[in-house]
Amino acid sequence: SGLGGSFYNLGINSEITSNVIADSNYRYYSGM
């Protein structure tokens, strides 16, 4: 589904932008 998929809409405050989610995942996977 990518970043726009419904998985990222579960339990996430709608005020949080996709950039915040993308940054979090980017940093997580960078650590991995």
Full PDB file with SEQRES, HELIX, SHEET, SSBOND, CRYST1, ORIGX, SCALE, CONECT and MASTER records, all heavy atoms in Angstrom:
SEQRES   1 A   32  SER GLY LEU GLY GLY SER PHE TYR ASN LEU GLY ILE ASN          
SEQRES   2 A   32  SER GLU ILE THR SER ASN VAL ILE ALA ASP SER ASN TYR          
SEQRES   3 A   32  ARG TYR TYR SER GLY MET                                      
HELIX    1 AA1 SER A    6  ASN A    9  5                                   4    
HELIX    2 AA2 SER A   18  GLY A   31  1                                  14    
CRYST1    1.000    1.000    1.000  90.00  90.00  90.00 P 1           1          
ORIGX1      1.000000  0.000000  0.000000        0.00000                         
ORIGX2      0.000000  1.000000  0.000000        0.00000                         
ORIGX3      0.000000  0.000000  1.000000        0.00000                         
SCALE1      1.000000  0.000000  0.000000        0.00000                         
SCALE2      0.000000  1.000000  0.000000        0.00000                         
SCALE3      0.000000  0.000000  1.000000        0.00000                         
ATOM      1  N   SER A   1       0.799  -1.230   0.000  1.00  0.00           N  
ATOM      2  CA  SER A   1       0.000   0.000   0.000  1.00  0.00           C  
ATOM      3  C   SER A   1       0.828   1.274   0.000  1.00  0.00           C  
ATOM      4  O   SER A   1       0.339   2.324  -0.395  1.00  0.00           O  
ATOM      5  CB  SER A   1      -0.948   0.012   1.196  1.00  0.00           C  
ATOM      6  OG  SER A   1      -0.216   0.163   2.398  1.00  0.00           O  
ATOM      7  N   GLY A   2       2.078   1.203   0.464  1.00  0.00           N  
ATOM      8  CA  GLY A   2       2.899   2.408   0.528  1.00  0.00           C  
ATOM      9  C   GLY A   2       2.417   3.343   1.618  1.00  0.00           C  
ATOM     10  O   GLY A   2       1.558   3.010   2.443  1.00  0.00           O  
ATOM     11  N   LEU A   3       2.970   4.531   1.622  1.00  0.00           N  
ATOM     12  CA  LEU A   3       2.660   5.514   2.663  1.00  0.00           C  
ATOM     13  C   LEU A   3       1.200   5.956   2.635  1.00  0.00           C  
ATOM     14  O   LEU A   3       0.614   6.250   3.665  1.00  0.00           O  
ATOM     15  CB  LEU A   3       3.574   6.730   2.513  1.00  0.00           C  
ATOM     16  CG  LEU A   3       3.506   7.781   3.602  1.00  0.00           C  
ATOM     17  CD1 LEU A   3       3.838   7.182   4.966  1.00  0.00           C  
ATOM     18  CD2 LEU A   3       4.447   8.915   3.296  1.00  0.00           C  
ATOM     19  N   GLY A   4       0.596   5.971   1.463  1.00  0.00           N  
ATOM     20  CA  GLY A   4      -0.788   6.418   1.346  1.00  0.00           C  
ATOM     21  C   GLY A   4      -1.811   5.355   1.698  1.00  0.00           C  
ATOM     22  O   GLY A   4      -3.003   5.611   1.686  1.00  0.00           O  
ATOM     23  N   GLY A   5      -1.370   4.159   2.023  1.00  0.00           N  
ATOM     24  CA  GLY A   5      -2.288   3.067   2.295  1.00  0.00           C  
ATOM     25  C   GLY A   5      -3.044   3.234   3.595  1.00  0.00           C  
ATOM     26  O   GLY A   5      -2.686   4.007   4.473  1.00  0.00           O  
ATOM     27  N   SER A   6      -4.110   2.490   3.711  1.00  0.00           N  
ATOM     28  CA  SER A   6      -4.977   2.600   4.885  1.00  0.00           C  
ATOM     29  C   SER A   6      -4.287   2.142   6.159  1.00  0.00           C  
ATOM     30  O   SER A   6      -4.685   2.529   7.253  1.00  0.00           O  
ATOM     31  CB  SER A   6      -6.259   1.799   4.670  1.00  0.00           C  
ATOM     32  OG  SER A   6      -5.948   0.435   4.476  1.00  0.00           O  
ATOM     33  N   PHE A   7      -3.245   1.335   6.054  1.00  0.00           N  
ATOM     34  CA  PHE A   7      -2.524   0.868   7.237  1.00  0.00           C  
ATOM     35  C   PHE A   7      -2.025   2.052   8.059  1.00  0.00           C  
ATOM     36  O   PHE A   7      -2.066   2.037   9.279  1.00  0.00           O  
ATOM     37  CB  PHE A   7      -1.357  -0.027   6.811  1.00  0.00           C  
ATOM     38  CG  PHE A   7      -0.411  -0.363   7.924  1.00  0.00           C  
ATOM     39  CD1 PHE A   7      -0.824  -1.155   8.983  1.00  0.00           C  
ATOM     40  CD2 PHE A   7       0.881   0.114   7.927  1.00  0.00           C  
ATOM     41  CE1 PHE A   7       0.045  -1.479  10.017  1.00  0.00           C  
ATOM     42  CE2 PHE A   7       1.755  -0.200   8.954  1.00  0.00           C  
ATOM     43  CZ  PHE A   7       1.333  -0.995  10.001  1.00  0.00           C  
ATOM     44  N   TYR A   8      -1.561   3.099   7.409  1.00  0.00           N  
ATOM     45  CA  TYR A   8      -1.028   4.256   8.120  1.00  0.00           C  
ATOM     46  C   TYR A   8      -2.122   5.163   8.675  1.00  0.00           C  
ATOM     47  O   TYR A   8      -1.840   6.080   9.422  1.00  0.00           O  
ATOM     48  CB  TYR A   8      -0.075   5.046   7.230  1.00  0.00           C  
ATOM     49  CG  TYR A   8       1.255   4.378   7.131  1.00  0.00           C  
ATOM     50  CD1 TYR A   8       1.626   3.693   5.986  1.00  0.00           C  
ATOM     51  CD2 TYR A   8       2.133   4.386   8.203  1.00  0.00           C  
ATOM     52  CE1 TYR A   8       2.844   3.056   5.918  1.00  0.00           C  
ATOM     53  CE2 TYR A   8       3.345   3.740   8.136  1.00  0.00           C  
ATOM     54  CZ  TYR A   8       3.702   3.085   6.996  1.00  0.00           C  
ATOM     55  OH  TYR A   8       4.899   2.445   6.933  1.00  0.00           O  
ATOM     56  N   ASN A   9      -3.355   4.906   8.322  1.00  0.00           N  
ATOM     57  CA  ASN A   9      -4.456   5.704   8.862  1.00  0.00           C  
ATOM     58  C   ASN A   9      -5.030   5.105  10.136  1.00  0.00           C  
ATOM     59  O   ASN A   9      -5.884   5.694  10.773  1.00  0.00           O  
ATOM     60  CB  ASN A   9      -5.571   5.834   7.819  1.00  0.00           C  
ATOM     61  CG  ASN A   9      -5.102   6.604   6.614  1.00  0.00           C  
ATOM     62  OD1 ASN A   9      -4.294   7.521   6.727  1.00  0.00           O  
ATOM     63  ND2 ASN A   9      -5.586   6.229   5.448  1.00  0.00           N  
ATOM     64  N   LEU A  10      -4.559   3.924  10.535  1.00  0.00           N  
ATOM     65  CA  LEU A  10      -5.074   3.263  11.724  1.00  0.00           C  
ATOM     66  C   LEU A  10      -4.451   3.860  12.981  1.00  0.00           C  
ATOM     67  O   LEU A  10      -3.236   3.851  13.146  1.00  0.00           O  
ATOM     68  CB  LEU A  10      -4.768   1.758  11.682  1.00  0.00           C  
ATOM     69  CG  LEU A  10      -5.354   0.977  10.511  1.00  0.00           C  
ATOM     70  CD1 LEU A  10      -4.857  -0.455  10.534  1.00  0.00           C  
ATOM     71  CD2 LEU A  10      -6.861   1.015  10.552  1.00  0.00           C  
ATOM     72  N   GLY A  11      -5.254   4.369  13.860  1.00  0.00           N  
ATOM     73  CA  GLY A  11      -4.776   4.843  15.150  1.00  0.00           C  
ATOM     74  C   GLY A  11      -3.845   6.037  15.081  1.00  0.00           C  
ATOM     75  O   GLY A  11      -3.114   6.304  16.039  1.00  0.00           O  
ATOM     76  N   ILE A  12      -3.839   6.751  13.982  1.00  0.00           N  
ATOM     77  CA  ILE A  12      -2.947   7.903  13.847  1.00  0.00           C  
ATOM     78  C   ILE A  12      -3.777   9.167  13.813  1.00  0.00           C  
ATOM     79  O   ILE A  12      -4.779   9.261  13.106  1.00  0.00           O  
ATOM     80  CB  ILE A  12      -2.086   7.783  12.571  1.00  0.00           C  
ATOM     81  CG1 ILE A  12      -1.161   6.575  12.688  1.00  0.00           C  
ATOM     82  CG2 ILE A  12      -1.288   9.042  12.325  1.00  0.00           C  
ATOM     83  CD1 ILE A  12      -0.355   6.294  11.451  1.00  0.00           C  
ATOM     84  N   ASN A  13      -3.357  10.131  14.596  1.00  0.00           N  
ATOM     85  CA  ASN A  13      -4.018  11.429  14.629  1.00  0.00           C  
ATOM     86  C   ASN A  13      -4.015  12.013  13.220  1.00  0.00           C  
ATOM     87  O   ASN A  13      -2.977  12.115  12.575  1.00  0.00           O  
ATOM     88  CB  ASN A  13      -3.255  12.343  15.602  1.00  0.00           C  
ATOM     89  CG  ASN A  13      -3.913  13.684  15.772  1.00  0.00           C  
ATOM     90  OD1 ASN A  13      -4.685  14.128  14.933  1.00  0.00           O  
ATOM     91  ND2 ASN A  13      -3.604  14.337  16.873  1.00  0.00           N  
ATOM     92  N   SER A  14      -5.186  12.422  12.740  1.00  0.00           N  
ATOM     93  CA  SER A  14      -5.285  12.923  11.377  1.00  0.00           C  
ATOM     94  C   SER A  14      -4.508  14.220  11.174  1.00  0.00           C  
ATOM     95  O   SER A  14      -4.251  14.610  10.043  1.00  0.00           O  
ATOM     96  CB  SER A  14      -6.754  13.125  10.995  1.00  0.00           C  
ATOM     97  OG  SER A  14      -7.342  14.089  11.849  1.00  0.00           O  
ATOM     98  N   GLU A  15      -4.121  14.878  12.262  1.00  0.00           N  
ATOM     99  CA  GLU A  15      -3.345  16.110  12.131  1.00  0.00           C  
ATOM    100  C   GLU A  15      -1.879  15.836  11.826  1.00  0.00           C  
ATOM    101  O   GLU A  15      -1.151  16.734  11.421  1.00  0.00           O  
ATOM    102  CB  GLU A  15      -3.460  16.941  13.412  1.00  0.00           C  
ATOM    103  CG  GLU A  15      -4.865  17.443  13.668  1.00  0.00           C  
ATOM    104  CD  GLU A  15      -4.990  18.183  14.995  1.00  0.00           C  
ATOM    105  OE1 GLU A  15      -3.955  18.547  15.572  1.00  0.00           O  
ATOM    106  OE2 GLU A  15      -6.120  18.375  15.434  1.00  0.00           O  
ATOM    107  N   ILE A  16      -1.443  14.585  12.049  1.00  0.00           N  
ATOM    108  CA  ILE A  16      -0.056  14.235  11.748  1.00  0.00           C  
ATOM    109  C   ILE A  16       0.081  14.092  10.246  1.00  0.00           C  
ATOM    110  O   ILE A  16      -0.679  13.384   9.599  1.00  0.00           O  
ATOM    111  CB  ILE A  16       0.356  12.925  12.453  1.00  0.00           C  
ATOM    112  CG1 ILE A  16       0.315  13.106  13.967  1.00  0.00           C  
ATOM    113  CG2 ILE A  16       1.744  12.490  12.008  1.00  0.00           C  
ATOM    114  CD1 ILE A  16       0.632  11.848  14.724  1.00  0.00           C  
ATOM    115  N   THR A  17       1.050  14.766   9.685  1.00  0.00           N  
ATOM    116  CA  THR A  17       1.219  14.718   8.234  1.00  0.00           C  
ATOM    117  C   THR A  17       1.948  13.448   7.814  1.00  0.00           C  
ATOM    118  O   THR A  17       2.618  12.806   8.615  1.00  0.00           O  
ATOM    119  CB  THR A  17       2.038  15.930   7.746  1.00  0.00           C  
ATOM    120  OG1 THR A  17       3.363  15.812   8.253  1.00  0.00           O  
ATOM    121  CG2 THR A  17       1.422  17.234   8.203  1.00  0.00           C  
ATOM    122  N   SER A  18       1.810  13.140   6.549  1.00  0.00           N  
ATOM    123  CA  SER A  18       2.500  11.968   6.024  1.00  0.00           C  
ATOM    124  C   SER A  18       4.009  12.160   6.077  1.00  0.00           C  
ATOM    125  O   SER A  18       4.756  11.185   6.154  1.00  0.00           O  
ATOM    126  CB  SER A  18       2.039  11.673   4.597  1.00  0.00           C  
ATOM    127  OG  SER A  18       2.324  12.772   3.757  1.00  0.00           O  
ATOM    128  N   ASN A  19       4.481  13.422   6.075  1.00  0.00           N  
ATOM    129  CA  ASN A  19       5.925  13.658   6.180  1.00  0.00           C  
ATOM    130  C   ASN A  19       6.467  13.176   7.520  1.00  0.00           C  
ATOM    131  O   ASN A  19       7.585  12.669   7.590  1.00  0.00           O  
ATOM    132  CB  ASN A  19       6.250  15.140   5.992  1.00  0.00           C  
ATOM    133  CG  ASN A  19       6.104  15.575   4.556  1.00  0.00           C  
ATOM    134  OD1 ASN A  19       6.144  14.761   3.639  1.00  0.00           O  
ATOM    135  ND2 ASN A  19       5.924  16.864   4.351  1.00  0.00           N  
ATOM    136  N   VAL A  20       5.700  13.342   8.592  1.00  0.00           N  
ATOM    137  CA  VAL A  20       6.144  12.896   9.912  1.00  0.00           C  
ATOM    138  C   VAL A  20       6.238  11.367   9.925  1.00  0.00           C  
ATOM    139  O   VAL A  20       7.204  10.795  10.421  1.00  0.00           O  
ATOM    140  CB  VAL A  20       5.192  13.407  11.022  1.00  0.00           C  
ATOM    141  CG1 VAL A  20       5.551  12.809  12.369  1.00  0.00           C  
ATOM    142  CG2 VAL A  20       5.209  14.930  11.074  1.00  0.00           C  
ATOM    143  N   ILE A  21       5.237  10.717   9.356  1.00  0.00           N  
ATOM    144  CA  ILE A  21       5.229   9.259   9.294  1.00  0.00           C  
ATOM    145  C   ILE A  21       6.381   8.774   8.417  1.00  0.00           C  
ATOM    146  O   ILE A  21       7.110   7.848   8.781  1.00  0.00           O  
ATOM    147  CB  ILE A  21       3.878   8.746   8.768  1.00  0.00           C  
ATOM    148  CG1 ILE A  21       2.758   9.120   9.743  1.00  0.00           C  
ATOM    149  CG2 ILE A  21       3.912   7.236   8.544  1.00  0.00           C  
ATOM    150  CD1 ILE A  21       1.371   8.949   9.174  1.00  0.00           C  
ATOM    151  N   ALA A  22       6.549   9.404   7.260  1.00  0.00           N  
ATOM    152  CA  ALA A  22       7.633   9.017   6.357  1.00  0.00           C  
ATOM    153  C   ALA A  22       8.989   9.223   7.023  1.00  0.00           C  
ATOM    154  O   ALA A  22       9.880   8.379   6.906  1.00  0.00           O  
ATOM    155  CB  ALA A  22       7.560   9.814   5.058  1.00  0.00           C  
ATOM    156  N   ASP A  23       9.164  10.321   7.750  1.00  0.00           N  
ATOM    157  CA  ASP A  23      10.435  10.579   8.430  1.00  0.00           C  
ATOM    158  C   ASP A  23      10.701   9.524   9.501  1.00  0.00           C  
ATOM    159  O   ASP A  23      11.813   9.018   9.619  1.00  0.00           O  
ATOM    160  CB  ASP A  23      10.440  11.970   9.058  1.00  0.00           C  
ATOM    161  CG  ASP A  23      11.776  12.285   9.707  1.00  0.00           C  
ATOM    162  OD1 ASP A  23      12.738  12.563   8.959  1.00  0.00           O  
ATOM    163  OD2 ASP A  23      11.868  12.222  10.948  1.00  0.00           O  
ATOM    164  N   SER A  24       9.681   9.162  10.249  1.00  0.00           N  
ATOM    165  CA  SER A  24       9.832   8.142  11.284  1.00  0.00           C  
ATOM    166  C   SER A  24      10.269   6.812  10.673  1.00  0.00           C  
ATOM    167  O   SER A  24      11.211   6.166  11.145  1.00  0.00           O  
ATOM    168  CB  SER A  24       8.517   7.968  12.042  1.00  0.00           C  
ATOM    169  OG  SER A  24       8.599   6.893  12.943  1.00  0.00           O  
ATOM    170  N   ASN A  25       9.579   6.400   9.618  1.00  0.00           N  
ATOM    171  CA  ASN A  25       9.937   5.138   8.962  1.00  0.00           C  
ATOM    172  C   ASN A  25      11.308   5.223   8.308  1.00  0.00           C  
ATOM    173  O   ASN A  25      12.081   4.265   8.351  1.00  0.00           O  
ATOM    174  CB  ASN A  25       8.882   4.745   7.933  1.00  0.00           C  
ATOM    175  CG  ASN A  25       7.732   4.009   8.567  1.00  0.00           C  
ATOM    176  OD1 ASN A  25       7.799   3.592   9.718  1.00  0.00           O  
ATOM    177  ND2 ASN A  25       6.671   3.842   7.820  1.00  0.00           N  
ATOM    178  N   TYR A  26      11.615   6.351   7.701  1.00  0.00           N  
ATOM    179  CA  TYR A  26      12.919   6.530   7.055  1.00  0.00           C  
ATOM    180  C   TYR A  26      14.041   6.351   8.068  1.00  0.00           C  
ATOM    181  O   TYR A  26      15.015   5.654   7.825  1.00  0.00           O  
ATOM    182  CB  TYR A  26      12.981   7.913   6.410  1.00  0.00           C  
ATOM    183  CG  TYR A  26      14.306   8.212   5.762  1.00  0.00           C  
ATOM    184  CD1 TYR A  26      14.602   7.704   4.499  1.00  0.00           C  
ATOM    185  CD2 TYR A  26      15.256   8.987   6.401  1.00  0.00           C  
ATOM    186  CE1 TYR A  26      15.816   7.968   3.903  1.00  0.00           C  
ATOM    187  CE2 TYR A  26      16.478   9.265   5.816  1.00  0.00           C  
ATOM    188  CZ  TYR A  26      16.751   8.749   4.557  1.00  0.00           C  
ATOM    189  OH  TYR A  26      17.955   9.008   3.968  1.00  0.00           O  
ATOM    190  N   ARG A  27      13.901   6.975   9.226  1.00  0.00           N  
ATOM    191  CA  ARG A  27      14.934   6.875  10.261  1.00  0.00           C  
ATOM    192  C   ARG A  27      14.996   5.453  10.846  1.00  0.00           C  
ATOM    193  O   ARG A  27      16.068   4.937  11.138  1.00  0.00           O  
ATOM    194  CB  ARG A  27      14.703   7.905  11.345  1.00  0.00           C  
ATOM    195  CG  ARG A  27      14.937   9.320  10.844  1.00  0.00           C  
ATOM    196  CD  ARG A  27      14.547  10.361  11.886  1.00  0.00           C  
ATOM    197  NE  ARG A  27      14.463  11.667  11.305  1.00  0.00           N  
ATOM    198  CZ  ARG A  27      15.482  12.518  11.214  1.00  0.00           C  
ATOM    199  NH1 ARG A  27      16.671  12.168  11.660  1.00  0.00           N  
ATOM    200  NH2 ARG A  27      15.314  13.704  10.676  1.00  0.00           N  
ATOM    201  N   TYR A  28      13.846   4.832  11.007  1.00  0.00           N  
ATOM    202  CA  TYR A  28      13.811   3.453  11.510  1.00  0.00           C  
ATOM    203  C   TYR A  28      14.565   2.522  10.553  1.00  0.00           C  
ATOM    204  O   TYR A  28      15.432   1.755  10.961  1.00  0.00           O  
ATOM    205  CB  TYR A  28      12.354   2.999  11.666  1.00  0.00           C  
ATOM    206  CG  TYR A  28      12.213   1.551  12.058  1.00  0.00           C  
ATOM    207  CD1 TYR A  28      12.405   1.148  13.371  1.00  0.00           C  
ATOM    208  CD2 TYR A  28      11.905   0.581  11.109  1.00  0.00           C  
ATOM    209  CE1 TYR A  28      12.283  -0.194  13.735  1.00  0.00           C  
ATOM    210  CE2 TYR A  28      11.776  -0.748  11.460  1.00  0.00           C  
ATOM    211  CZ  TYR A  28      11.965  -1.127  12.780  1.00  0.00           C  
ATOM    212  OH  TYR A  28      11.855  -2.441  13.128  1.00  0.00           O  
ATOM    213  N   TYR A  29      14.214   2.596   9.287  1.00  0.00           N  
ATOM    214  CA  TYR A  29      14.866   1.714   8.319  1.00  0.00           C  
ATOM    215  C   TYR A  29      16.324   2.086   8.086  1.00  0.00           C  
ATOM    216  O   TYR A  29      17.130   1.224   7.738  1.00  0.00           O  
ATOM    217  CB  TYR A  29      14.068   1.658   7.014  1.00  0.00           C  
ATOM    218  CG  TYR A  29      12.756   0.944   7.228  1.00  0.00           C  
ATOM    219  CD1 TYR A  29      11.546   1.600   7.089  1.00  0.00           C  
ATOM    220  CD2 TYR A  29      12.736  -0.391   7.626  1.00  0.00           C  
ATOM    221  CE1 TYR A  29      10.347   0.946   7.332  1.00  0.00           C  
ATOM    222  CE2 TYR A  29      11.552  -1.049   7.869  1.00  0.00           C  
ATOM    223  CZ  TYR A  29      10.360  -0.379   7.712  1.00  0.00           C  
ATOM    224  OH  TYR A  29       9.187  -1.029   7.960  1.00  0.00           O  
ATOM    225  N   SER A  30      16.670   3.343   8.283  1.00  0.00           N  
ATOM    226  CA  SER A  30      18.080   3.731   8.217  1.00  0.00           C  
ATOM    227  C   SER A  30      18.864   3.052   9.334  1.00  0.00           C  
ATOM    228  O   SER A  30      19.986   2.581   9.113  1.00  0.00           O  
ATOM    229  CB  SER A  30      18.230   5.249   8.313  1.00  0.00           C  
ATOM    230  OG  SER A  30      17.677   5.863   7.177  1.00  0.00           O  
ATOM    231  N   GLY A  31      18.282   2.991  10.513  1.00  0.00           N  
ATOM    232  CA  GLY A  31      18.919   2.273  11.620  1.00  0.00           C  
ATOM    233  C   GLY A  31      19.062   0.794  11.321  1.00  0.00           C  
ATOM    234  O   GLY A  31      20.102   0.187  11.600  1.00  0.00           O  
ATOM    235  N   MET A  32      18.046   0.206  10.722  1.00  0.00           N  
ATOM    236  CA  MET A  32      18.127  -1.207  10.351  1.00  0.00           C  
ATOM    237  C   MET A  32      19.181  -1.413   9.263  1.00  0.00           C  
ATOM    238  O   MET A  32      19.883  -2.421   9.248  1.00  0.00           O  
ATOM    239  CB  MET A  32      16.762  -1.718   9.891  1.00  0.00           C  
ATOM    240  CG  MET A  32      15.757  -1.754  11.031  1.00  0.00           C  
ATOM    241  SD  MET A  32      14.204  -2.479  10.551  1.00  0.00           S  
ATOM    242  CE  MET A  32      14.649  -4.194  10.446  1.00  0.00           C  
TER     243      MET A  32                                                      
MASTER        0    0    0    2    0    0    0    6  242    1    0    3          
END                                                                             
